[in-house]
Amino acid sequence: MNQDRQVYQWSKRDRRLHLLPALPLLVFYAVTLYLLALNSLYLVVFILLWLATNLSAIRICAGCPYRGRYCPGLCQLFIAPFLSTLIIKANSKKPRSQSFKVDLALLGVFGIGSYLFAFYWLFVLYWSEYYVIVLVLLGFLLLYMTLSFFLLCPKCGYNDICPMARVHKAFK
């Protein structure tokens, strides 16, 4: 993994640029939380899925070469970088490629699962009244994913083993 190699040094410009994917995601979360709060059970499940996403990312963050420095995951509204420094010792062994794949799979299941859960209930509950809002939220989420793919993936600390990095390299 990239821990033993020179890692990308984030500039101030990078940090500002990485706020760009956070903006549509922040709008998505704010509106989704508001709409799901009207039916509190759905809000609780959505928040639990978000927390599960962060908990599944803790071990990934623990082995990241950017740990303790600027983290682009913060712009993705993750708290896992903070949690990893609190829960996992800095001198713990570095994750193996196999455990990384398991952790990444869990992250994907919970991350994509939270978005699918939100859109399922937004569609069921609000499509007839607020179909434009539901479509705009989907657009914001797709914009976030596209911006993250092009702005964050190329500079990630796991470029050599992450499946999305392979997709990004093939896309380029």
N, C-alpha and C. Protein backbone atom coordinates (compact mmCIF):
# COMPACT_ATOMS: atom_id res chain seq x y z
N MET A 1 0.83 -1.19 0.00
CA MET A 1 0.00 0.00 0.00
C MET A 1 0.87 1.25 0.00
N ASN A 2 0.27 2.37 -0.06
CA ASN A 2 1.00 3.62 -0.18
C ASN A 2 1.70 4.07 1.09
N GLN A 3 1.56 3.35 2.21
CA GLN A 3 2.16 3.82 3.45
C GLN A 3 3.67 3.96 3.36
N ASP A 4 4.31 3.11 2.59
CA ASP A 4 5.76 3.13 2.53
C ASP A 4 6.30 4.03 1.42
N ARG A 5 5.43 4.55 0.60
CA ARG A 5 5.85 5.43 -0.48
C ARG A 5 5.54 6.88 -0.14
N GLN A 6 6.07 7.76 -0.93
CA GLN A 6 5.78 9.18 -0.75
C GLN A 6 4.30 9.41 -1.06
N VAL A 7 3.59 10.07 -0.19
CA VAL A 7 2.18 10.33 -0.41
C VAL A 7 1.97 11.76 -0.86
N TYR A 8 0.84 11.98 -1.48
CA TYR A 8 0.52 13.30 -2.01
C TYR A 8 0.44 14.31 -0.87
N GLN A 9 1.03 15.46 -1.07
CA GLN A 9 0.98 16.54 -0.08
C GLN A 9 -0.15 17.49 -0.47
N TRP A 10 -1.16 17.60 0.38
CA TRP A 10 -2.33 18.41 0.09
C TRP A 10 -1.99 19.90 0.24
N SER A 11 -2.31 20.67 -0.78
CA SER A 11 -2.10 22.12 -0.71
C SER A 11 -3.38 22.78 -0.19
N LYS A 12 -3.30 24.07 0.11
CA LYS A 12 -4.49 24.80 0.53
C LYS A 12 -5.52 24.83 -0.59
N ARG A 13 -5.04 24.90 -1.82
CA ARG A 13 -5.94 24.89 -2.97
C ARG A 13 -6.69 23.56 -3.03
N ASP A 14 -5.98 22.44 -2.79
CA ASP A 14 -6.63 21.13 -2.76
C ASP A 14 -7.72 21.08 -1.71
N ARG A 15 -7.43 21.60 -0.55
CA ARG A 15 -8.40 21.55 0.55
C ARG A 15 -9.66 22.33 0.20
N ARG A 16 -9.49 23.48 -0.43
CA ARG A 16 -10.67 24.25 -0.85
C ARG A 16 -11.41 23.52 -1.97
N LEU A 17 -10.66 22.96 -2.89
CA LEU A 17 -11.26 22.24 -4.01
C LEU A 17 -12.03 21.02 -3.52
N HIS A 18 -11.54 20.38 -2.46
CA HIS A 18 -12.22 19.20 -1.95
C HIS A 18 -13.48 19.52 -1.16
N LEU A 19 -13.70 20.79 -0.89
CA LEU A 19 -14.97 21.18 -0.30
C LEU A 19 -16.09 21.13 -1.34
N LEU A 20 -15.70 21.18 -2.61
CA LEU A 20 -16.68 21.17 -3.68
C LEU A 20 -17.59 19.94 -3.64
N PRO A 21 -17.07 18.70 -3.50
CA PRO A 21 -17.98 17.55 -3.40
C PRO A 21 -18.83 17.58 -2.14
N ALA A 22 -18.36 18.24 -1.09
CA ALA A 22 -19.12 18.27 0.16
C ALA A 22 -20.38 19.12 0.05
N LEU A 23 -20.38 20.11 -0.82
CA LEU A 23 -21.54 21.00 -0.91
C LEU A 23 -22.81 20.27 -1.37
N PRO A 24 -22.79 19.54 -2.50
CA PRO A 24 -24.02 18.82 -2.86
C PRO A 24 -24.38 17.73 -1.85
N LEU A 25 -23.37 17.12 -1.24
CA LEU A 25 -23.65 16.09 -0.24
C LEU A 25 -24.29 16.70 0.99
N LEU A 26 -23.84 17.87 1.38
CA LEU A 26 -24.42 18.56 2.53
C LEU A 26 -25.89 18.91 2.27
N VAL A 27 -26.20 19.38 1.06
CA VAL A 27 -27.58 19.68 0.70
C VAL A 27 -28.41 18.39 0.72
N PHE A 28 -27.84 17.32 0.14
CA PHE A 28 -28.54 16.03 0.15
C PHE A 28 -28.88 15.59 1.57
N TYR A 29 -27.87 15.63 2.47
CA TYR A 29 -28.10 15.20 3.84
C TYR A 29 -29.10 16.10 4.56
N ALA A 30 -28.98 17.40 4.40
CA ALA A 30 -29.87 18.33 5.11
C ALA A 30 -31.33 18.11 4.71
N VAL A 31 -31.60 18.06 3.43
CA VAL A 31 -32.98 17.90 2.97
C VAL A 31 -33.50 16.50 3.30
N THR A 32 -32.65 15.49 3.11
CA THR A 32 -33.07 14.12 3.42
C THR A 32 -33.35 13.96 4.90
N LEU A 33 -32.49 14.51 5.74
CA LEU A 33 -32.73 14.43 7.18
C LEU A 33 -34.04 15.13 7.56
N TYR A 34 -34.29 16.27 6.95
CA TYR A 34 -35.53 16.99 7.23
C TYR A 34 -36.75 16.15 6.82
N LEU A 35 -36.73 15.64 5.58
CA LEU A 35 -37.89 14.88 5.09
C LEU A 35 -38.08 13.58 5.87
N LEU A 36 -36.98 12.89 6.17
CA LEU A 36 -37.10 11.64 6.93
C LEU A 36 -37.47 11.92 8.39
N ALA A 37 -37.16 13.11 8.90
CA ALA A 37 -37.52 13.46 10.27
C ALA A 37 -39.03 13.57 10.45
N LEU A 38 -39.72 13.80 9.36
CA LEU A 38 -41.18 13.85 9.43
C LEU A 38 -41.74 12.48 9.80
N ASN A 39 -40.97 11.44 9.54
CA ASN A 39 -41.29 10.07 9.95
C ASN A 39 -40.08 9.56 10.71
N SER A 40 -40.05 9.77 12.00
CA SER A 40 -38.83 9.62 12.80
C SER A 40 -38.18 8.25 12.71
N LEU A 41 -38.95 7.19 12.52
CA LEU A 41 -38.35 5.86 12.42
C LEU A 41 -37.37 5.79 11.25
N TYR A 42 -37.73 6.36 10.12
CA TYR A 42 -36.87 6.34 8.95
C TYR A 42 -35.61 7.16 9.17
N LEU A 43 -35.77 8.26 9.88
CA LEU A 43 -34.61 9.10 10.20
C LEU A 43 -33.63 8.33 11.07
N VAL A 44 -34.12 7.63 12.07
CA VAL A 44 -33.25 6.86 12.97
C VAL A 44 -32.49 5.80 12.19
N VAL A 45 -33.17 5.08 11.30
CA VAL A 45 -32.51 4.04 10.51
C VAL A 45 -31.46 4.66 9.59
N PHE A 46 -31.79 5.79 8.96
CA PHE A 46 -30.83 6.46 8.08
C PHE A 46 -29.58 6.89 8.85
N ILE A 47 -29.77 7.45 10.03
CA ILE A 47 -28.63 7.87 10.86
C ILE A 47 -27.82 6.66 11.30
N LEU A 48 -28.49 5.56 11.65
CA LEU A 48 -27.77 4.34 12.04
C LEU A 48 -26.95 3.79 10.87
N LEU A 49 -27.49 3.85 9.67
CA LEU A 49 -26.73 3.41 8.49
C LEU A 49 -25.52 4.31 8.25
N TRP A 50 -25.69 5.61 8.45
CA TRP A 50 -24.56 6.54 8.31
C TRP A 50 -23.48 6.23 9.34
N LEU A 51 -23.90 5.97 10.58
CA LEU A 51 -22.94 5.61 11.63
C LEU A 51 -22.25 4.28 11.31
N ALA A 52 -23.00 3.31 10.80
CA ALA A 52 -22.40 2.02 10.42
C ALA A 52 -21.39 2.22 9.30
N THR A 53 -21.68 3.14 8.38
CA THR A 53 -20.72 3.46 7.31
C THR A 53 -19.42 3.97 7.92
N ASN A 54 -19.53 4.86 8.87
CA ASN A 54 -18.34 5.42 9.51
C ASN A 54 -17.61 4.38 10.34
N LEU A 55 -18.33 3.54 11.05
CA LEU A 55 -17.69 2.51 11.85
C LEU A 55 -16.98 1.48 10.97
N SER A 56 -17.53 1.19 9.81
CA SER A 56 -16.88 0.24 8.91
C SER A 56 -15.63 0.85 8.26
N ALA A 57 -15.53 2.17 8.25
CA ALA A 57 -14.37 2.83 7.65
C ALA A 57 -13.22 3.04 8.64
N ILE A 58 -13.44 2.77 9.91
CA ILE A 58 -12.42 3.06 10.91
C ILE A 58 -11.11 2.33 10.62
N ARG A 59 -11.18 1.03 10.32
CA ARG A 59 -9.94 0.29 10.06
C ARG A 59 -9.28 0.74 8.77
N ILE A 60 -10.07 1.16 7.80
CA ILE A 60 -9.49 1.70 6.57
C ILE A 60 -8.72 2.98 6.89
N CYS A 61 -9.33 3.84 7.69
CA CYS A 61 -8.68 5.10 8.07
C CYS A 61 -7.44 4.85 8.92
N ALA A 62 -7.44 3.81 9.73
CA ALA A 62 -6.31 3.53 10.61
C ALA A 62 -5.04 3.24 9.81
N GLY A 63 -5.16 2.66 8.64
CA GLY A 63 -3.99 2.34 7.84
C GLY A 63 -3.67 3.36 6.77
N CYS A 64 -4.41 4.43 6.73
CA CYS A 64 -4.21 5.44 5.68
C CYS A 64 -2.95 6.25 5.95
N PRO A 65 -2.17 6.51 4.90
CA PRO A 65 -0.96 7.31 5.09
C PRO A 65 -1.26 8.77 5.44
N TYR A 66 -2.50 9.22 5.26
CA TYR A 66 -2.86 10.59 5.61
C TYR A 66 -3.35 10.72 7.04
N ARG A 67 -3.38 9.64 7.77
CA ARG A 67 -3.91 9.66 9.13
C ARG A 67 -3.17 10.71 9.97
N GLY A 68 -3.95 11.52 10.66
CA GLY A 68 -3.38 12.57 11.49
C GLY A 68 -3.08 13.85 10.74
N ARG A 69 -3.27 13.83 9.44
CA ARG A 69 -3.08 15.02 8.61
C ARG A 69 -4.38 15.31 7.87
N TYR A 70 -4.31 16.14 6.85
CA TYR A 70 -5.52 16.46 6.10
C TYR A 70 -6.13 15.19 5.51
N CYS A 71 -7.43 15.06 5.64
CA CYS A 71 -8.14 13.88 5.14
C CYS A 71 -9.26 14.31 4.22
N PRO A 72 -9.26 13.86 2.96
CA PRO A 72 -10.35 14.23 2.06
C PRO A 72 -11.68 13.59 2.46
N GLY A 73 -11.64 12.54 3.29
CA GLY A 73 -12.87 11.93 3.76
C GLY A 73 -13.71 12.87 4.60
N LEU A 74 -13.07 13.85 5.21
CA LEU A 74 -13.83 14.82 5.99
C LEU A 74 -14.74 15.63 5.09
N CYS A 75 -14.31 15.85 3.86
CA CYS A 75 -15.15 16.56 2.90
C CYS A 75 -16.29 15.68 2.42
N GLN A 76 -16.22 14.40 2.73
CA GLN A 76 -17.32 13.50 2.39
C GLN A 76 -18.22 13.30 3.61
N LEU A 77 -18.03 14.15 4.60
CA LEU A 77 -18.84 14.17 5.81
C LEU A 77 -18.72 12.87 6.60
N PHE A 78 -17.53 12.29 6.60
CA PHE A 78 -17.26 11.11 7.41
C PHE A 78 -16.60 11.53 8.72
N ILE A 79 -16.92 10.83 9.78
CA ILE A 79 -16.26 11.05 11.06
C ILE A 79 -15.28 9.94 11.36
N ALA A 80 -15.16 8.97 10.46
CA ALA A 80 -14.26 7.83 10.67
C ALA A 80 -12.80 8.24 10.89
N PRO A 81 -12.28 9.27 10.20
CA PRO A 81 -10.88 9.66 10.48
C PRO A 81 -10.68 10.05 11.94
N PHE A 82 -11.64 10.76 12.52
CA PHE A 82 -11.53 11.12 13.94
C PHE A 82 -11.65 9.89 14.82
N LEU A 83 -12.63 9.04 14.50
CA LEU A 83 -12.85 7.85 15.31
C LEU A 83 -11.65 6.91 15.27
N SER A 84 -11.00 6.81 14.12
CA SER A 84 -9.86 5.89 14.02
C SER A 84 -8.71 6.34 14.91
N THR A 85 -8.52 7.65 15.05
CA THR A 85 -7.44 8.12 15.92
C THR A 85 -7.79 7.92 17.38
N LEU A 86 -9.09 7.90 17.70
CA LEU A 86 -9.50 7.69 19.08
C LEU A 86 -9.52 6.21 19.47
N ILE A 87 -9.89 5.35 18.53
CA ILE A 87 -10.12 3.94 18.84
C ILE A 87 -8.91 3.06 18.57
N ILE A 88 -8.22 3.31 17.48
CA ILE A 88 -7.11 2.44 17.07
C ILE A 88 -5.79 3.13 17.33
N LYS A 89 -4.88 2.43 17.95
CA LYS A 89 -3.56 3.00 18.27
C LYS A 89 -2.80 3.31 16.99
N ALA A 90 -2.01 4.35 17.04
CA ALA A 90 -1.24 4.77 15.86
C ALA A 90 -0.20 3.73 15.47
N ASN A 91 0.29 2.96 16.42
CA ASN A 91 1.32 1.99 16.10
C ASN A 91 0.77 0.59 15.82
N SER A 92 -0.55 0.48 15.65
CA SER A 92 -1.12 -0.84 15.35
C SER A 92 -0.65 -1.28 13.97
N LYS A 93 -0.72 -2.60 13.75
CA LYS A 93 -0.20 -3.10 12.48
C LYS A 93 -1.02 -2.57 11.31
N LYS A 94 -0.36 -2.39 10.21
CA LYS A 94 -0.99 -1.84 9.02
C LYS A 94 -1.92 -2.89 8.42
N PRO A 95 -3.05 -2.47 7.85
CA PRO A 95 -3.99 -3.45 7.31
C PRO A 95 -3.42 -4.18 6.11
N ARG A 96 -3.74 -5.45 6.04
CA ARG A 96 -3.35 -6.24 4.88
C ARG A 96 -4.34 -5.96 3.76
N SER A 97 -3.94 -6.33 2.56
CA SER A 97 -4.79 -6.10 1.40
C SER A 97 -6.13 -6.82 1.55
N GLN A 98 -6.11 -8.06 2.09
CA GLN A 98 -7.34 -8.82 2.25
C GLN A 98 -8.30 -8.15 3.23
N SER A 99 -7.79 -7.71 4.39
CA SER A 99 -8.67 -7.05 5.36
C SER A 99 -9.18 -5.72 4.80
N PHE A 100 -8.36 -5.07 3.99
CA PHE A 100 -8.80 -3.83 3.36
C PHE A 100 -9.99 -4.09 2.46
N LYS A 101 -9.95 -5.18 1.71
CA LYS A 101 -11.05 -5.51 0.80
C LYS A 101 -12.34 -5.80 1.57
N VAL A 102 -12.22 -6.48 2.69
CA VAL A 102 -13.39 -6.75 3.52
C VAL A 102 -13.95 -5.45 4.09
N ASP A 103 -13.06 -4.61 4.63
CA ASP A 103 -13.49 -3.33 5.18
C ASP A 103 -14.11 -2.45 4.10
N LEU A 104 -13.53 -2.45 2.91
CA LEU A 104 -14.07 -1.66 1.81
C LEU A 104 -15.44 -2.18 1.39
N ALA A 105 -15.60 -3.51 1.39
CA ALA A 105 -16.90 -4.08 1.05
C ALA A 105 -17.96 -3.67 2.07
N LEU A 106 -17.61 -3.70 3.36
CA LEU A 106 -18.55 -3.26 4.40
C LEU A 106 -18.89 -1.78 4.23
N LEU A 107 -17.88 -0.99 3.94
CA LEU A 107 -18.09 0.43 3.71
C LEU A 107 -19.05 0.64 2.54
N GLY A 108 -18.86 -0.10 1.48
CA GLY A 108 -19.74 0.01 0.32
C GLY A 108 -21.16 -0.42 0.62
N VAL A 109 -21.30 -1.52 1.35
CA VAL A 109 -22.65 -2.02 1.69
C VAL A 109 -23.40 -0.99 2.53
N PHE A 110 -22.76 -0.48 3.57
CA PHE A 110 -23.44 0.49 4.42
C PHE A 110 -23.60 1.84 3.74
N GLY A 111 -22.58 2.28 3.01
CA GLY A 111 -22.66 3.58 2.34
C GLY A 111 -23.73 3.61 1.26
N ILE A 112 -23.65 2.66 0.33
CA ILE A 112 -24.65 2.59 -0.73
C ILE A 112 -26.01 2.22 -0.14
N GLY A 113 -26.00 1.36 0.88
CA GLY A 113 -27.26 0.98 1.53
C GLY A 113 -27.96 2.17 2.14
N SER A 114 -27.21 3.09 2.73
CA SER A 114 -27.86 4.27 3.33
C SER A 114 -28.49 5.15 2.26
N TYR A 115 -27.82 5.29 1.11
CA TYR A 115 -28.39 6.10 0.03
C TYR A 115 -29.62 5.42 -0.57
N LEU A 116 -29.53 4.10 -0.77
CA LEU A 116 -30.69 3.38 -1.31
C LEU A 116 -31.87 3.43 -0.34
N PHE A 117 -31.59 3.28 0.95
CA PHE A 117 -32.64 3.38 1.95
C PHE A 117 -33.31 4.75 1.89
N ALA A 118 -32.50 5.79 1.87
CA ALA A 118 -33.05 7.15 1.83
C ALA A 118 -33.90 7.36 0.59
N PHE A 119 -33.40 6.95 -0.57
CA PHE A 119 -34.17 7.18 -1.80
C PHE A 119 -35.41 6.32 -1.87
N TYR A 120 -35.35 5.12 -1.34
CA TYR A 120 -36.55 4.29 -1.34
C TYR A 120 -37.66 4.98 -0.56
N TRP A 121 -37.34 5.43 0.66
CA TRP A 121 -38.38 6.05 1.49
C TRP A 121 -38.74 7.45 1.00
N LEU A 122 -37.82 8.17 0.44
CA LEU A 122 -38.18 9.47 -0.15
C LEU A 122 -39.14 9.25 -1.31
N PHE A 123 -38.89 8.23 -2.11
CA PHE A 123 -39.77 7.93 -3.24
C PHE A 123 -41.15 7.49 -2.74
N VAL A 124 -41.17 6.56 -1.78
CA VAL A 124 -42.44 6.05 -1.27
C VAL A 124 -43.25 7.15 -0.58
N LEU A 125 -42.58 7.94 0.23
CA LEU A 125 -43.30 8.92 1.04
C LEU A 125 -43.61 10.22 0.32
N TYR A 126 -42.73 10.65 -0.59
CA TYR A 126 -42.84 12.02 -1.10
C TYR A 126 -42.92 12.15 -2.62
N TRP A 127 -42.87 11.07 -3.36
CA TRP A 127 -42.85 11.19 -4.81
C TRP A 127 -44.08 11.92 -5.34
N SER A 128 -45.23 11.60 -4.84
CA SER A 128 -46.45 12.22 -5.38
C SER A 128 -46.52 13.72 -5.10
N GLU A 129 -45.99 14.17 -3.97
CA GLU A 129 -46.05 15.59 -3.62
C GLU A 129 -44.81 16.37 -4.06
N TYR A 130 -43.64 15.76 -3.85
CA TYR A 130 -42.37 16.47 -4.04
C TYR A 130 -41.43 15.75 -5.00
N TYR A 131 -41.95 15.28 -6.10
CA TYR A 131 -41.10 14.51 -7.02
C TYR A 131 -39.91 15.31 -7.52
N VAL A 132 -40.08 16.62 -7.66
CA VAL A 132 -38.97 17.46 -8.11
C VAL A 132 -37.86 17.46 -7.06
N ILE A 133 -38.23 17.56 -5.79
CA ILE A 133 -37.23 17.55 -4.72
C ILE A 133 -36.48 16.23 -4.68
N VAL A 134 -37.21 15.12 -4.85
CA VAL A 134 -36.57 13.80 -4.84
C VAL A 134 -35.59 13.69 -6.01
N LEU A 135 -35.99 14.17 -7.18
CA LEU A 135 -35.09 14.14 -8.34
C LEU A 135 -33.87 15.04 -8.14
N VAL A 136 -34.08 16.21 -7.55
CA VAL A 136 -32.97 17.14 -7.27
C VAL A 136 -32.00 16.50 -6.27
N LEU A 137 -32.53 15.82 -5.26
CA LEU A 137 -31.66 15.13 -4.29
C LEU A 137 -30.85 14.05 -4.97
N LEU A 138 -31.47 13.31 -5.86
CA LEU A 138 -30.72 12.30 -6.62
C LEU A 138 -29.63 12.97 -7.46
N GLY A 139 -29.96 14.11 -8.06
CA GLY A 139 -28.97 14.85 -8.83
C GLY A 139 -27.81 15.32 -7.97
N PHE A 140 -28.10 15.82 -6.77
CA PHE A 140 -27.04 16.24 -5.85
C PHE A 140 -26.14 15.07 -5.47
N LEU A 141 -26.74 13.92 -5.22
CA LEU A 141 -25.94 12.75 -4.86
C LEU A 141 -25.06 12.30 -6.03
N LEU A 142 -25.60 12.31 -7.22
CA LEU A 142 -24.79 11.95 -8.40
C LEU A 142 -23.69 12.97 -8.65
N LEU A 143 -23.98 14.24 -8.45
CA LEU A 143 -22.96 15.28 -8.58
C LEU A 143 -21.85 15.07 -7.57
N TYR A 144 -22.22 14.79 -6.32
CA TYR A 144 -21.23 14.50 -5.28
C TYR A 144 -20.33 13.33 -5.68
N MET A 145 -20.94 12.24 -6.15
CA MET A 145 -20.15 11.06 -6.52
C MET A 145 -19.21 11.35 -7.68
N THR A 146 -19.68 12.10 -8.65
CA THR A 146 -18.85 12.45 -9.80
C THR A 146 -17.68 13.34 -9.38
N LEU A 147 -17.97 14.36 -8.59
CA LEU A 147 -16.90 15.26 -8.13
C LEU A 147 -15.89 14.51 -7.27
N SER A 148 -16.36 13.65 -6.39
CA SER A 148 -15.45 12.87 -5.55
C SER A 148 -14.57 11.97 -6.39
N PHE A 149 -15.17 11.34 -7.39
CA PHE A 149 -14.41 10.43 -8.26
C PHE A 149 -13.27 11.16 -8.96
N PHE A 150 -13.54 12.36 -9.45
CA PHE A 150 -12.51 13.08 -10.20
C PHE A 150 -11.56 13.91 -9.33
N LEU A 151 -12.03 14.36 -8.16
CA LEU A 151 -11.18 15.21 -7.33
C LEU A 151 -10.45 14.46 -6.22
N LEU A 152 -11.09 13.44 -5.65
CA LEU A 152 -10.50 12.77 -4.50
C LEU A 152 -9.77 11.48 -4.86
N CYS A 153 -10.34 10.69 -5.75
CA CYS A 153 -9.73 9.39 -6.08
C CYS A 153 -8.28 9.48 -6.55
N PRO A 154 -7.92 10.44 -7.40
CA PRO A 154 -6.54 10.47 -7.89
C PRO A 154 -5.50 10.69 -6.79
N LYS A 155 -5.89 11.26 -5.67
CA LYS A 155 -4.92 11.60 -4.62
C LYS A 155 -5.10 10.76 -3.37
N CYS A 156 -5.89 9.71 -3.47
CA CYS A 156 -6.19 8.85 -2.33
C CYS A 156 -4.94 8.08 -1.87
N GLY A 157 -4.87 7.78 -0.61
CA GLY A 157 -3.74 7.03 -0.05
C GLY A 157 -3.78 5.56 -0.38
N TYR A 158 -4.86 5.09 -0.98
CA TYR A 158 -5.00 3.66 -1.31
C TYR A 158 -5.10 3.42 -2.81
N ASN A 159 -4.47 4.24 -3.60
CA ASN A 159 -4.55 4.12 -5.05
C ASN A 159 -4.11 2.77 -5.60
N ASP A 160 -3.25 2.07 -4.89
CA ASP A 160 -2.73 0.83 -5.44
C ASP A 160 -3.61 -0.39 -5.17
N ILE A 161 -4.56 -0.32 -4.24
CA ILE A 161 -5.39 -1.50 -3.98
C ILE A 161 -6.89 -1.23 -4.03
N CYS A 162 -7.31 -0.02 -4.14
CA CYS A 162 -8.74 0.29 -4.14
C CYS A 162 -9.34 0.02 -5.53
N PRO A 163 -10.48 -0.66 -5.58
CA PRO A 163 -11.12 -0.92 -6.87
C PRO A 163 -11.52 0.36 -7.61
N MET A 164 -11.94 1.39 -6.87
CA MET A 164 -12.32 2.64 -7.53
C MET A 164 -11.10 3.31 -8.18
N ALA A 165 -9.93 3.13 -7.59
CA ALA A 165 -8.72 3.69 -8.20
C ALA A 165 -8.45 3.02 -9.54
N ARG A 166 -8.69 1.72 -9.61
CA ARG A 166 -8.51 1.01 -10.89
C ARG A 166 -9.50 1.54 -11.93
N VAL A 167 -10.74 1.76 -11.51
CA VAL A 167 -11.74 2.31 -12.42
C VAL A 167 -11.31 3.71 -12.88
N HIS A 168 -10.81 4.52 -11.94
CA HIS A 168 -10.38 5.87 -12.27
C HIS A 168 -9.23 5.84 -13.26
N LYS A 169 -8.25 4.94 -13.06
CA LYS A 169 -7.11 4.84 -13.97
C LYS A 169 -7.55 4.39 -15.35
N ALA A 170 -8.51 3.44 -15.41
CA ALA A 170 -9.01 2.98 -16.70
C ALA A 170 -9.82 4.08 -17.39
N PHE A 171 -10.51 4.88 -16.61
CA PHE A 171 -11.31 5.96 -17.17
C PHE A 171 -10.43 7.03 -17.78
N LYS A 172 -9.28 7.31 -17.12
CA LYS A 172 -8.36 8.34 -17.64
C LYS A 172 -7.79 7.86 -18.94
